[in-house]
Amino acid sequence: MVTSALGSQYDLHDDAKCDVFGAIWRVLGANTSAQRVFGEATGFSLLLTTLHRFQGDKGQLHSSLLTVYMKVFTYLLRVTTAGVCKNAVNREKLNSILSSHSFYDLLSESGLISVECERQVMQLLFELALEIVLPPFSTPETNVVGNLSASIPIITQSVSFSPDKERIYIAGALRALIRSLLLFSPKLQLELLKLIEELTHAGPYNQENLTSAGS
């Protein structure tokens, strides 16, 4: 929902939302002080409001609408990752939101954890957990939903990745995945558990955060 200078409110179209998220991502990358403003302006609450908005169309969540929602969610998660990266204050705020029952409930009821989108959802939450910053518009349109190869491991499809060298910064993102584990397909459940196991070998920092995520 956007408020105009005259005080009237209107809802942006989904493509316009993606354009706005793309612009915010560029600002966050170019100006470190923008992260502070983003956090103070409750930018992370967009996760809840956006997922809540998806609930309204749950009964008519056909393939084309799911594709649109997955695109919006991709842009939003990439912006969120840029907004939290290397910022201790924002990490605390975001972890609080991701660890809440509200986020889990909204995500599980959004329809995004489906055969078509589950891998992309898991990918985005792992990027967030590890603070891997990628442009929201870097994902080819064919990979936004439905055509991700089941043989491509999580994370490595987007970036050079070595689990035993990565650090878990946003434990709340992994907590959301662990809570949602049974909603994913069996193959993806195994990939998730294998990747979490590999991350534990990176040292006590990850082990502590994983303990936090699982509690």
N, C-alpha and C. Protein backbone atom coordinates (compact mmCIF):
# COMPACT_ATOMS: atom_id res chain seq x y z
N MET A 1 0.84 -1.19 0.00
CA MET A 1 0.00 0.00 0.00
C MET A 1 0.88 1.25 0.00
N VAL A 2 0.60 2.19 -0.91
CA VAL A 2 1.38 3.43 -1.02
C VAL A 2 0.48 4.61 -0.70
N THR A 3 1.01 5.57 0.06
CA THR A 3 0.26 6.78 0.39
C THR A 3 0.79 7.94 -0.43
N SER A 4 -0.09 8.62 -1.13
CA SER A 4 0.33 9.75 -1.97
C SER A 4 0.52 10.99 -1.12
N ALA A 5 1.01 12.05 -1.76
CA ALA A 5 1.23 13.32 -1.06
C ALA A 5 -0.07 13.91 -0.55
N LEU A 6 -1.18 13.54 -1.18
CA LEU A 6 -2.48 14.05 -0.77
C LEU A 6 -3.15 13.17 0.28
N GLY A 7 -2.48 12.09 0.66
CA GLY A 7 -3.01 11.23 1.71
C GLY A 7 -3.83 10.05 1.23
N SER A 8 -4.07 9.95 -0.06
CA SER A 8 -4.84 8.82 -0.57
C SER A 8 -3.93 7.59 -0.67
N GLN A 9 -4.53 6.40 -0.52
CA GLN A 9 -3.77 5.16 -0.55
C GLN A 9 -4.18 4.31 -1.74
N TYR A 10 -3.19 3.61 -2.31
CA TYR A 10 -3.48 2.71 -3.40
C TYR A 10 -2.44 1.60 -3.41
N ASP A 11 -2.83 0.46 -3.99
CA ASP A 11 -1.96 -0.71 -4.01
C ASP A 11 -1.20 -0.74 -5.32
N LEU A 12 0.12 -1.00 -5.24
CA LEU A 12 0.94 -1.07 -6.44
C LEU A 12 0.71 -2.40 -7.15
N HIS A 13 0.82 -2.38 -8.48
CA HIS A 13 0.80 -3.63 -9.23
C HIS A 13 2.06 -4.41 -8.91
N ASP A 14 2.04 -5.71 -9.12
CA ASP A 14 3.17 -6.55 -8.74
C ASP A 14 4.45 -6.19 -9.48
N ASP A 15 4.36 -5.88 -10.76
CA ASP A 15 5.56 -5.48 -11.50
C ASP A 15 6.13 -4.18 -10.95
N ALA A 16 5.24 -3.27 -10.55
CA ALA A 16 5.71 -2.01 -9.97
C ALA A 16 6.39 -2.25 -8.63
N LYS A 17 5.88 -3.21 -7.85
CA LYS A 17 6.52 -3.56 -6.59
C LYS A 17 7.94 -4.06 -6.83
N CYS A 18 8.09 -4.89 -7.85
CA CYS A 18 9.42 -5.41 -8.17
C CYS A 18 10.35 -4.27 -8.60
N ASP A 19 9.83 -3.32 -9.35
CA ASP A 19 10.63 -2.16 -9.75
C ASP A 19 11.08 -1.37 -8.53
N VAL A 20 10.17 -1.19 -7.58
CA VAL A 20 10.51 -0.46 -6.35
C VAL A 20 11.55 -1.23 -5.54
N PHE A 21 11.36 -2.54 -5.40
CA PHE A 21 12.33 -3.36 -4.67
C PHE A 21 13.70 -3.31 -5.34
N GLY A 22 13.71 -3.33 -6.67
CA GLY A 22 14.97 -3.24 -7.39
C GLY A 22 15.69 -1.93 -7.13
N ALA A 23 14.92 -0.83 -7.10
CA ALA A 23 15.51 0.48 -6.81
C ALA A 23 16.05 0.54 -5.38
N ILE A 24 15.29 -0.03 -4.43
CA ILE A 24 15.75 -0.06 -3.04
C ILE A 24 17.03 -0.87 -2.91
N TRP A 25 17.09 -2.00 -3.64
CA TRP A 25 18.29 -2.84 -3.60
C TRP A 25 19.52 -2.05 -4.06
N ARG A 26 19.35 -1.27 -5.11
CA ARG A 26 20.48 -0.47 -5.61
C ARG A 26 20.91 0.57 -4.59
N VAL A 27 19.96 1.21 -3.95
CA VAL A 27 20.27 2.22 -2.94
C VAL A 27 21.00 1.60 -1.76
N LEU A 28 20.52 0.45 -1.31
CA LEU A 28 21.15 -0.24 -0.18
C LEU A 28 22.59 -0.63 -0.49
N GLY A 29 22.84 -0.98 -1.74
CA GLY A 29 24.19 -1.37 -2.13
C GLY A 29 25.14 -0.19 -2.31
N ALA A 30 24.57 0.97 -2.60
CA ALA A 30 25.41 2.14 -2.87
C ALA A 30 25.63 3.01 -1.65
N ASN A 31 24.79 2.88 -0.63
CA ASN A 31 24.86 3.78 0.53
C ASN A 31 24.62 2.98 1.81
N THR A 32 25.69 2.79 2.59
CA THR A 32 25.57 1.96 3.79
C THR A 32 24.61 2.57 4.82
N SER A 33 24.49 3.89 4.85
CA SER A 33 23.57 4.52 5.81
C SER A 33 22.12 4.19 5.47
N ALA A 34 21.88 3.78 4.23
CA ALA A 34 20.52 3.42 3.83
C ALA A 34 20.05 2.18 4.59
N GLN A 35 20.98 1.31 4.97
CA GLN A 35 20.61 0.14 5.76
C GLN A 35 19.98 0.55 7.09
N ARG A 36 20.59 1.52 7.73
CA ARG A 36 20.06 2.00 9.02
C ARG A 36 18.66 2.54 8.85
N VAL A 37 18.47 3.34 7.81
CA VAL A 37 17.15 3.92 7.54
C VAL A 37 16.14 2.81 7.24
N PHE A 38 16.57 1.83 6.47
CA PHE A 38 15.68 0.72 6.11
C PHE A 38 15.22 -0.03 7.35
N GLY A 39 16.15 -0.27 8.28
CA GLY A 39 15.81 -0.96 9.52
C GLY A 39 14.93 -0.14 10.42
N GLU A 40 15.25 1.15 10.54
CA GLU A 40 14.47 2.02 11.42
C GLU A 40 13.07 2.27 10.87
N ALA A 41 12.94 2.19 9.56
CA ALA A 41 11.63 2.41 8.93
C ALA A 41 10.82 1.12 8.85
N THR A 42 11.22 0.14 9.64
CA THR A 42 10.56 -1.17 9.69
C THR A 42 10.45 -1.80 8.30
N GLY A 43 11.53 -1.65 7.52
CA GLY A 43 11.53 -2.25 6.19
C GLY A 43 11.36 -3.75 6.21
N PHE A 44 11.83 -4.39 7.29
CA PHE A 44 11.74 -5.84 7.36
C PHE A 44 10.31 -6.33 7.58
N SER A 45 9.44 -5.46 8.05
CA SER A 45 8.04 -5.85 8.24
C SER A 45 7.34 -6.10 6.90
N LEU A 46 7.99 -5.68 5.80
CA LEU A 46 7.44 -5.97 4.48
C LEU A 46 7.31 -7.48 4.25
N LEU A 47 8.15 -8.25 4.93
CA LEU A 47 8.04 -9.70 4.82
C LEU A 47 6.67 -10.18 5.27
N LEU A 48 6.21 -9.63 6.37
CA LEU A 48 4.91 -10.04 6.91
C LEU A 48 3.75 -9.49 6.08
N THR A 49 3.83 -8.20 5.73
CA THR A 49 2.72 -7.60 4.99
C THR A 49 2.59 -8.19 3.59
N THR A 50 3.72 -8.51 2.97
CA THR A 50 3.66 -9.09 1.62
C THR A 50 3.09 -10.51 1.66
N LEU A 51 3.56 -11.32 2.59
CA LEU A 51 3.03 -12.68 2.71
C LEU A 51 1.55 -12.66 3.12
N HIS A 52 1.19 -11.69 3.95
CA HIS A 52 -0.22 -11.57 4.34
C HIS A 52 -1.08 -11.22 3.14
N ARG A 53 -0.56 -10.40 2.26
CA ARG A 53 -1.31 -10.03 1.06
C ARG A 53 -1.53 -11.25 0.17
N PHE A 54 -0.58 -12.19 0.14
CA PHE A 54 -0.75 -13.40 -0.67
C PHE A 54 -1.92 -14.24 -0.18
N GLN A 55 -2.25 -14.12 1.12
CA GLN A 55 -3.32 -14.94 1.68
C GLN A 55 -4.67 -14.66 1.02
N GLY A 56 -4.88 -13.41 0.60
CA GLY A 56 -6.17 -13.01 0.06
C GLY A 56 -6.55 -13.74 -1.20
N ASP A 57 -5.52 -14.21 -1.95
CA ASP A 57 -5.79 -14.89 -3.21
C ASP A 57 -5.56 -16.39 -3.13
N LYS A 58 -5.47 -16.91 -1.91
CA LYS A 58 -5.11 -18.31 -1.72
C LYS A 58 -6.06 -19.24 -2.47
N GLY A 59 -7.32 -18.91 -2.48
CA GLY A 59 -8.28 -19.78 -3.12
C GLY A 59 -8.16 -19.83 -4.63
N GLN A 60 -7.51 -18.84 -5.23
CA GLN A 60 -7.38 -18.82 -6.68
C GLN A 60 -5.91 -18.76 -7.10
N LEU A 61 -5.05 -19.47 -6.34
CA LEU A 61 -3.61 -19.42 -6.58
C LEU A 61 -3.25 -20.36 -7.73
N HIS A 62 -3.60 -19.98 -8.95
CA HIS A 62 -3.26 -20.78 -10.11
C HIS A 62 -1.82 -20.51 -10.52
N SER A 63 -1.36 -21.22 -11.53
CA SER A 63 0.06 -21.21 -11.90
C SER A 63 0.58 -19.82 -12.24
N SER A 64 -0.17 -19.04 -13.01
CA SER A 64 0.30 -17.72 -13.42
C SER A 64 0.42 -16.77 -12.23
N LEU A 65 -0.53 -16.86 -11.30
CA LEU A 65 -0.48 -16.01 -10.11
C LEU A 65 0.67 -16.43 -9.20
N LEU A 66 0.90 -17.73 -9.12
CA LEU A 66 2.00 -18.23 -8.31
C LEU A 66 3.33 -17.75 -8.85
N THR A 67 3.46 -17.69 -10.16
CA THR A 67 4.68 -17.19 -10.79
C THR A 67 4.92 -15.73 -10.41
N VAL A 68 3.87 -14.94 -10.43
CA VAL A 68 3.98 -13.53 -10.07
C VAL A 68 4.38 -13.38 -8.60
N TYR A 69 3.73 -14.14 -7.74
CA TYR A 69 4.03 -14.05 -6.31
C TYR A 69 5.46 -14.48 -6.02
N MET A 70 5.93 -15.50 -6.73
CA MET A 70 7.30 -15.96 -6.52
C MET A 70 8.30 -14.89 -6.96
N LYS A 71 7.97 -14.18 -8.01
CA LYS A 71 8.85 -13.10 -8.46
C LYS A 71 8.90 -11.99 -7.42
N VAL A 72 7.74 -11.60 -6.89
CA VAL A 72 7.71 -10.57 -5.85
C VAL A 72 8.48 -11.02 -4.62
N PHE A 73 8.29 -12.27 -4.23
CA PHE A 73 8.97 -12.81 -3.05
C PHE A 73 10.49 -12.84 -3.27
N THR A 74 10.92 -13.18 -4.48
CA THR A 74 12.35 -13.19 -4.80
C THR A 74 12.94 -11.80 -4.65
N TYR A 75 12.30 -10.80 -5.22
CA TYR A 75 12.79 -9.43 -5.11
C TYR A 75 12.84 -8.98 -3.65
N LEU A 76 11.79 -9.32 -2.90
CA LEU A 76 11.71 -8.91 -1.51
C LEU A 76 12.81 -9.55 -0.67
N LEU A 77 13.05 -10.85 -0.85
CA LEU A 77 14.09 -11.54 -0.07
C LEU A 77 15.48 -11.03 -0.43
N ARG A 78 15.72 -10.72 -1.70
CA ARG A 78 17.03 -10.20 -2.09
C ARG A 78 17.24 -8.80 -1.52
N VAL A 79 16.19 -7.99 -1.48
CA VAL A 79 16.29 -6.66 -0.85
C VAL A 79 16.54 -6.81 0.65
N THR A 80 15.84 -7.73 1.28
CA THR A 80 16.01 -7.96 2.71
C THR A 80 17.45 -8.38 3.02
N THR A 81 18.02 -9.23 2.19
CA THR A 81 19.40 -9.66 2.39
C THR A 81 20.36 -8.48 2.28
N ALA A 82 20.13 -7.61 1.30
CA ALA A 82 20.97 -6.42 1.16
C ALA A 82 20.79 -5.47 2.34
N GLY A 83 19.60 -5.43 2.90
CA GLY A 83 19.32 -4.52 4.01
C GLY A 83 19.89 -4.96 5.33
N VAL A 84 20.21 -6.24 5.45
CA VAL A 84 20.70 -6.77 6.74
C VAL A 84 22.19 -7.08 6.72
N CYS A 85 22.77 -7.21 5.55
CA CYS A 85 24.15 -7.68 5.42
C CYS A 85 25.14 -6.83 6.22
N LYS A 86 25.88 -7.48 7.12
CA LYS A 86 26.94 -6.87 7.92
C LYS A 86 26.43 -5.77 8.85
N ASN A 87 25.16 -5.80 9.19
CA ASN A 87 24.58 -4.79 10.07
C ASN A 87 23.99 -5.48 11.30
N ALA A 88 24.68 -5.37 12.43
CA ALA A 88 24.30 -6.10 13.64
C ALA A 88 22.93 -5.72 14.15
N VAL A 89 22.61 -4.43 14.10
CA VAL A 89 21.30 -3.97 14.59
C VAL A 89 20.18 -4.54 13.74
N ASN A 90 20.35 -4.48 12.42
CA ASN A 90 19.32 -5.01 11.53
C ASN A 90 19.19 -6.53 11.63
N ARG A 91 20.32 -7.19 11.89
CA ARG A 91 20.26 -8.64 12.07
C ARG A 91 19.33 -9.01 13.22
N GLU A 92 19.46 -8.27 14.31
CA GLU A 92 18.62 -8.55 15.48
C GLU A 92 17.15 -8.33 15.16
N LYS A 93 16.85 -7.23 14.45
CA LYS A 93 15.46 -6.93 14.10
C LYS A 93 14.88 -8.00 13.17
N LEU A 94 15.68 -8.39 12.18
CA LEU A 94 15.20 -9.36 11.21
C LEU A 94 15.03 -10.74 11.84
N ASN A 95 15.99 -11.13 12.67
CA ASN A 95 15.88 -12.43 13.34
C ASN A 95 14.60 -12.52 14.17
N SER A 96 14.23 -11.42 14.79
CA SER A 96 13.01 -11.39 15.59
C SER A 96 11.78 -11.67 14.73
N ILE A 97 11.74 -11.09 13.54
CA ILE A 97 10.60 -11.29 12.64
C ILE A 97 10.59 -12.71 12.09
N LEU A 98 11.74 -13.19 11.63
CA LEU A 98 11.80 -14.51 11.01
C LEU A 98 11.53 -15.63 12.01
N SER A 99 11.86 -15.40 13.28
CA SER A 99 11.66 -16.41 14.32
C SER A 99 10.24 -16.42 14.86
N SER A 100 9.44 -15.46 14.45
CA SER A 100 8.08 -15.36 14.98
C SER A 100 7.16 -16.41 14.38
N HIS A 101 6.13 -16.76 15.12
CA HIS A 101 5.12 -17.68 14.60
C HIS A 101 4.36 -17.05 13.43
N SER A 102 4.27 -15.73 13.44
CA SER A 102 3.54 -15.04 12.37
C SER A 102 4.21 -15.28 11.03
N PHE A 103 5.55 -15.17 10.98
CA PHE A 103 6.24 -15.40 9.71
C PHE A 103 6.07 -16.84 9.25
N TYR A 104 6.25 -17.77 10.16
CA TYR A 104 6.10 -19.18 9.80
C TYR A 104 4.68 -19.46 9.28
N ASP A 105 3.69 -18.96 10.00
CA ASP A 105 2.30 -19.21 9.60
C ASP A 105 2.01 -18.61 8.22
N LEU A 106 2.45 -17.38 8.01
CA LEU A 106 2.19 -16.72 6.73
C LEU A 106 2.92 -17.41 5.58
N LEU A 107 4.16 -17.82 5.83
CA LEU A 107 4.92 -18.51 4.77
C LEU A 107 4.28 -19.86 4.44
N SER A 108 3.93 -20.63 5.46
CA SER A 108 3.37 -21.96 5.23
C SER A 108 2.00 -21.90 4.56
N GLU A 109 1.28 -20.79 4.78
CA GLU A 109 -0.06 -20.65 4.19
C GLU A 109 -0.06 -19.86 2.88
N SER A 110 1.11 -19.41 2.45
CA SER A 110 1.19 -18.54 1.27
C SER A 110 0.99 -19.30 -0.04
N GLY A 111 1.24 -20.60 -0.03
CA GLY A 111 1.18 -21.38 -1.26
C GLY A 111 2.50 -21.43 -2.00
N LEU A 112 3.52 -20.72 -1.49
CA LEU A 112 4.81 -20.67 -2.18
C LEU A 112 5.61 -21.96 -1.99
N ILE A 113 5.40 -22.64 -0.86
CA ILE A 113 6.11 -23.91 -0.65
C ILE A 113 5.32 -24.99 -1.37
N SER A 114 5.54 -25.05 -2.66
CA SER A 114 4.81 -25.96 -3.54
C SER A 114 5.83 -26.66 -4.43
N VAL A 115 5.37 -27.63 -5.20
CA VAL A 115 6.25 -28.35 -6.10
C VAL A 115 6.96 -27.39 -7.04
N GLU A 116 6.24 -26.36 -7.49
CA GLU A 116 6.80 -25.43 -8.46
C GLU A 116 7.83 -24.48 -7.85
N CYS A 117 7.66 -24.12 -6.59
CA CYS A 117 8.45 -23.02 -6.01
C CYS A 117 9.33 -23.40 -4.83
N GLU A 118 9.21 -24.62 -4.31
CA GLU A 118 9.86 -24.93 -3.04
C GLU A 118 11.38 -24.74 -3.08
N ARG A 119 12.01 -25.10 -4.20
CA ARG A 119 13.47 -24.97 -4.27
C ARG A 119 13.89 -23.51 -4.24
N GLN A 120 13.15 -22.67 -4.93
CA GLN A 120 13.48 -21.24 -4.94
C GLN A 120 13.28 -20.62 -3.57
N VAL A 121 12.22 -21.01 -2.87
CA VAL A 121 11.97 -20.51 -1.52
C VAL A 121 13.13 -20.89 -0.60
N MET A 122 13.54 -22.15 -0.65
CA MET A 122 14.65 -22.60 0.19
C MET A 122 15.94 -21.89 -0.18
N GLN A 123 16.17 -21.71 -1.47
CA GLN A 123 17.36 -21.00 -1.95
C GLN A 123 17.42 -19.59 -1.37
N LEU A 124 16.33 -18.88 -1.45
CA LEU A 124 16.30 -17.48 -0.99
C LEU A 124 16.52 -17.38 0.52
N LEU A 125 15.96 -18.31 1.28
CA LEU A 125 16.13 -18.26 2.72
C LEU A 125 17.55 -18.64 3.13
N PHE A 126 18.20 -19.52 2.36
CA PHE A 126 19.60 -19.82 2.64
C PHE A 126 20.49 -18.63 2.28
N GLU A 127 20.21 -17.96 1.18
CA GLU A 127 20.95 -16.75 0.85
C GLU A 127 20.85 -15.74 1.98
N LEU A 128 19.65 -15.61 2.52
CA LEU A 128 19.43 -14.67 3.62
C LEU A 128 20.19 -15.10 4.87
N ALA A 129 20.12 -16.38 5.20
CA ALA A 129 20.80 -16.89 6.40
C ALA A 129 22.30 -16.65 6.34
N LEU A 130 22.88 -16.77 5.15
CA LEU A 130 24.33 -16.65 4.98
C LEU A 130 24.74 -15.26 4.48
N GLU A 131 23.75 -14.38 4.30
CA GLU A 131 23.98 -13.02 3.81
C GLU A 131 24.74 -13.02 2.48
N ILE A 132 24.26 -13.83 1.56
CA ILE A 132 24.79 -13.85 0.20
C ILE A 132 23.96 -12.85 -0.62
N VAL A 133 24.55 -11.72 -0.95
CA VAL A 133 23.83 -10.63 -1.60
C VAL A 133 23.88 -10.81 -3.12
N LEU A 134 22.72 -10.96 -3.73
CA LEU A 134 22.60 -11.10 -5.18
C LEU A 134 21.54 -10.13 -5.69
N PRO A 135 21.69 -9.64 -6.91
CA PRO A 135 20.67 -8.75 -7.47
C PRO A 135 19.34 -9.48 -7.61
N PRO A 136 18.24 -8.83 -7.26
CA PRO A 136 16.93 -9.50 -7.37
C PRO A 136 16.56 -9.83 -8.80
N PHE A 137 17.13 -9.07 -9.73
CA PHE A 137 16.80 -9.26 -11.14
C PHE A 137 17.79 -10.18 -11.85
N SER A 138 18.69 -10.84 -11.09
CA SER A 138 19.70 -11.69 -11.72
C SER A 138 19.17 -13.06 -12.07
N THR A 139 18.06 -13.46 -11.43
CA THR A 139 17.49 -14.77 -11.69
C THR A 139 16.77 -14.77 -13.04
N PRO A 140 17.17 -15.63 -13.98
CA PRO A 140 16.47 -15.69 -15.27
C PRO A 140 14.99 -15.96 -15.06
N GLU A 141 14.18 -15.42 -15.92
CA GLU A 141 12.74 -15.56 -15.77
C GLU A 141 12.32 -17.02 -15.71
N THR A 142 13.02 -17.89 -16.48
CA THR A 142 12.65 -19.29 -16.49
C THR A 142 12.98 -19.98 -15.18
N ASN A 143 13.84 -19.34 -14.36
CA ASN A 143 14.22 -19.95 -13.10
C ASN A 143 13.45 -19.38 -11.92
N VAL A 144 12.58 -18.41 -12.17
CA VAL A 144 11.81 -17.82 -11.08
C VAL A 144 10.89 -18.86 -10.46
N VAL A 145 10.33 -19.71 -11.31
CA VAL A 145 9.43 -20.74 -10.79
C VAL A 145 9.33 -21.88 -11.80
N GLY A 146 9.33 -23.08 -11.29
CA GLY A 146 8.93 -24.21 -12.10
C GLY A 146 10.00 -24.92 -12.90
N ASN A 147 11.11 -24.26 -13.24
CA ASN A 147 12.08 -24.89 -14.12
C ASN A 147 13.45 -25.05 -13.51
N LEU A 148 13.54 -24.99 -12.19
CA LEU A 148 14.82 -25.22 -11.53
C LEU A 148 15.13 -26.71 -11.57
N SER A 149 16.31 -27.04 -12.05
CA SER A 149 16.68 -28.44 -12.16
C SER A 149 16.76 -29.08 -10.79
N ALA A 150 16.12 -30.22 -10.62
CA ALA A 150 16.13 -30.90 -9.33
C ALA A 150 17.52 -31.45 -9.00
N SER A 151 18.41 -31.52 -10.01
CA SER A 151 19.74 -32.05 -9.76
C SER A 151 20.71 -30.97 -9.27
N ILE A 152 20.31 -29.70 -9.31
CA ILE A 152 21.19 -28.61 -8.90
C ILE A 152 21.04 -28.40 -7.40
N PRO A 153 22.14 -28.50 -6.66
CA PRO A 153 22.04 -28.31 -5.20
C PRO A 153 21.59 -26.91 -4.83
N ILE A 154 21.00 -26.79 -3.66
CA ILE A 154 20.64 -25.48 -3.12
C ILE A 154 21.90 -24.62 -3.04
N ILE A 155 21.76 -23.34 -3.22
CA ILE A 155 22.83 -22.34 -3.10
C ILE A 155 23.78 -22.37 -4.28
N THR A 156 24.36 -23.52 -4.62
CA THR A 156 25.41 -23.54 -5.63
C THR A 156 24.90 -23.14 -7.01
N GLN A 157 23.59 -23.14 -7.20
CA GLN A 157 23.06 -22.71 -8.49
C GLN A 157 23.22 -21.20 -8.68
N SER A 158 23.40 -20.45 -7.59
CA SER A 158 23.48 -19.00 -7.69
C SER A 158 24.88 -18.44 -7.48
N VAL A 159 25.73 -19.16 -6.76
CA VAL A 159 26.99 -18.56 -6.36
C VAL A 159 27.98 -19.65 -5.99
N SER A 160 29.26 -19.35 -6.17
CA SER A 160 30.30 -20.27 -5.72
C SER A 160 30.16 -20.44 -4.22
N PHE A 161 30.09 -21.70 -3.77
CA PHE A 161 29.68 -21.93 -2.39
C PHE A 161 30.46 -23.06 -1.77
N SER A 162 31.01 -22.83 -0.60
CA SER A 162 31.73 -23.86 0.14
C SER A 162 31.18 -23.89 1.56
N PRO A 163 30.30 -24.85 1.89
CA PRO A 163 29.60 -24.86 3.17
C PRO A 163 30.51 -24.78 4.39
N ASP A 164 31.69 -25.42 4.33
CA ASP A 164 32.55 -25.44 5.51
C ASP A 164 33.28 -24.11 5.73
N LYS A 165 33.03 -23.13 4.83
CA LYS A 165 33.66 -21.82 4.98
C LYS A 165 32.64 -20.70 5.19
N GLU A 166 31.36 -21.05 5.12
CA GLU A 166 30.30 -20.05 5.24
C GLU A 166 29.92 -19.84 6.71
N ARG A 167 29.41 -18.63 7.00
CA ARG A 167 28.95 -18.34 8.36
C ARG A 167 27.44 -18.07 8.34
N ILE A 168 26.77 -18.56 9.35
CA ILE A 168 25.33 -18.34 9.49
C ILE A 168 25.12 -17.07 10.30
N TYR A 169 24.55 -16.05 9.67
CA TYR A 169 24.33 -14.78 10.34
C TYR A 169 22.87 -14.60 10.77
N ILE A 170 21.97 -15.11 9.94
CA ILE A 170 20.54 -14.92 10.21
C ILE A 170 19.92 -16.28 10.54
N ALA A 171 20.05 -16.66 11.81
CA ALA A 171 19.55 -17.98 12.24
C ALA A 171 18.04 -18.10 12.06
N GLY A 172 17.33 -16.97 12.12
CA GLY A 172 15.88 -17.00 11.97
C GLY A 172 15.42 -17.56 10.63
N ALA A 173 16.24 -17.34 9.57
CA ALA A 173 15.88 -17.86 8.25
C ALA A 173 15.94 -19.38 8.25
N LEU A 174 16.95 -19.94 8.93
CA LEU A 174 17.04 -21.39 9.02
C LEU A 174 15.97 -21.95 9.95
N ARG A 175 15.63 -21.20 10.98
CA ARG A 175 14.55 -21.65 11.86
C ARG A 175 13.24 -21.78 11.08
N ALA A 176 12.97 -20.83 10.20
CA ALA A 176 11.75 -20.89 9.39
C ALA A 176 11.77 -22.12 8.48
N LEU A 177 12.95 -22.44 7.93
CA LEU A 177 13.06 -23.62 7.07
C LEU A 177 12.88 -24.91 7.87
N ILE A 178 13.50 -24.97 9.05
CA ILE A 178 13.38 -26.17 9.88
C ILE A 178 11.93 -26.38 10.30
N ARG A 179 11.26 -25.29 10.68
CA ARG A 179 9.84 -25.41 11.06
C ARG A 179 8.99 -25.89 9.90
N SER A 180 9.39 -25.52 8.68
CA SER A 180 8.60 -25.84 7.48
C SER A 180 9.07 -27.13 6.82
N LEU A 181 9.98 -27.84 7.44
CA LEU A 181 10.65 -28.97 6.80
C LEU A 181 9.67 -29.95 6.16
N LEU A 182 8.62 -30.32 6.88
CA LEU A 182 7.70 -31.35 6.39
C LEU A 182 6.83 -30.86 5.23
N LEU A 183 6.87 -29.56 4.96
CA LEU A 183 6.09 -29.03 3.83
C LEU A 183 6.83 -29.20 2.51
N PHE A 184 8.14 -29.45 2.58
CA PHE A 184 8.94 -29.62 1.38
C PHE A 184 8.91 -31.08 0.91
N SER A 185 9.28 -31.30 -0.33
CA SER A 185 9.34 -32.66 -0.85
C SER A 185 10.44 -33.44 -0.15
N PRO A 186 10.34 -34.76 -0.08
CA PRO A 186 11.35 -35.57 0.61
C PRO A 186 12.77 -35.32 0.10
N LYS A 187 12.94 -35.17 -1.21
CA LYS A 187 14.28 -34.94 -1.76
C LYS A 187 14.86 -33.63 -1.26
N LEU A 188 14.04 -32.61 -1.21
CA LEU A 188 14.52 -31.31 -0.76
C LEU A 188 14.75 -31.30 0.74
N GLN A 189 13.95 -32.07 1.47
CA GLN A 189 14.19 -32.22 2.91
C GLN A 189 15.59 -32.76 3.16
N LEU A 190 15.98 -33.76 2.38
CA LEU A 190 17.30 -34.36 2.54
C LEU A 190 18.40 -33.37 2.18
N GLU A 191 18.19 -32.58 1.12
CA GLU A 191 19.18 -31.57 0.73
C GLU A 191 19.35 -30.53 1.84
N LEU A 192 18.23 -30.12 2.43
CA LEU A 192 18.28 -29.14 3.51
C LEU A 192 19.07 -29.68 4.70
N LEU A 193 18.75 -30.89 5.11
CA LEU A 193 19.44 -31.47 6.27
C LEU A 193 20.92 -31.70 5.99
N LYS A 194 21.24 -32.11 4.75
CA LYS A 194 22.65 -32.33 4.39
C LYS A 194 23.42 -31.01 4.41
N LEU A 195 22.82 -29.95 3.90
CA LEU A 195 23.49 -28.65 3.87
C LEU A 195 23.68 -28.11 5.28
N ILE A 196 22.68 -28.28 6.13
CA ILE A 196 22.81 -27.84 7.52
C ILE A 196 23.93 -28.60 8.22
N GLU A 197 24.01 -29.92 7.95
CA GLU A 197 25.08 -30.71 8.54
C GLU A 197 26.45 -30.20 8.08
N GLU A 198 26.57 -29.86 6.80
CA GLU A 198 27.84 -29.36 6.27
C GLU A 198 28.21 -28.01 6.89
N LEU A 199 27.21 -27.19 7.15
CA LEU A 199 27.47 -25.88 7.74
C LEU A 199 28.00 -26.00 9.17
N THR A 200 27.65 -27.07 9.85
CA THR A 200 28.13 -27.24 11.22
C THR A 200 29.64 -27.43 11.26
N HIS A 201 30.23 -27.88 10.15
CA HIS A 201 31.67 -28.12 10.12
C HIS A 201 32.47 -26.83 9.97
N ALA A 202 31.78 -25.70 9.81
CA ALA A 202 32.47 -24.42 9.63
C ALA A 202 32.97 -23.85 10.96
N GLY A 203 32.57 -24.47 12.08
CA GLY A 203 33.10 -24.01 13.37
C GLY A 203 32.03 -23.72 14.39
N PRO A 204 32.45 -23.33 15.60
CA PRO A 204 31.53 -23.11 16.72
C PRO A 204 30.53 -21.98 16.48
N TYR A 205 30.90 -20.98 15.67
CA TYR A 205 29.97 -19.88 15.40
C TYR A 205 28.70 -20.42 14.74
N ASN A 206 28.87 -21.24 13.73
CA ASN A 206 27.71 -21.83 13.06
C ASN A 206 26.97 -22.80 13.97
N GLN A 207 27.71 -23.56 14.74
CA GLN A 207 27.07 -24.52 15.64
C GLN A 207 26.19 -23.82 16.65
N GLU A 208 26.65 -22.70 17.16
CA GLU A 208 25.85 -21.93 18.12
C GLU A 208 24.60 -21.39 17.47
N ASN A 209 24.75 -20.84 16.26
CA ASN A 209 23.58 -20.28 15.57
C ASN A 209 22.61 -21.35 15.13
N LEU A 210 23.12 -22.52 14.76
CA LEU A 210 22.23 -23.61 14.40
C LEU A 210 21.46 -24.13 15.60
N THR A 211 22.12 -24.13 16.75
CA THR A 211 21.42 -24.51 17.98
C THR A 211 20.30 -23.54 18.27
N SER A 212 20.58 -22.25 18.04
CA SER A 212 19.57 -21.21 18.23
C SER A 212 18.42 -21.41 17.26
N ALA A 213 18.75 -21.75 16.00
CA ALA A 213 17.72 -21.92 14.98
C ALA A 213 16.82 -23.10 15.27
N GLY A 214 17.38 -24.15 15.87
CA GLY A 214 16.61 -25.35 16.12
C GLY A 214 15.82 -25.33 17.40
N SER A 215 16.07 -24.32 18.25
CA SER A 215 15.39 -24.29 19.55
C SER A 215 13.99 -23.73 19.44
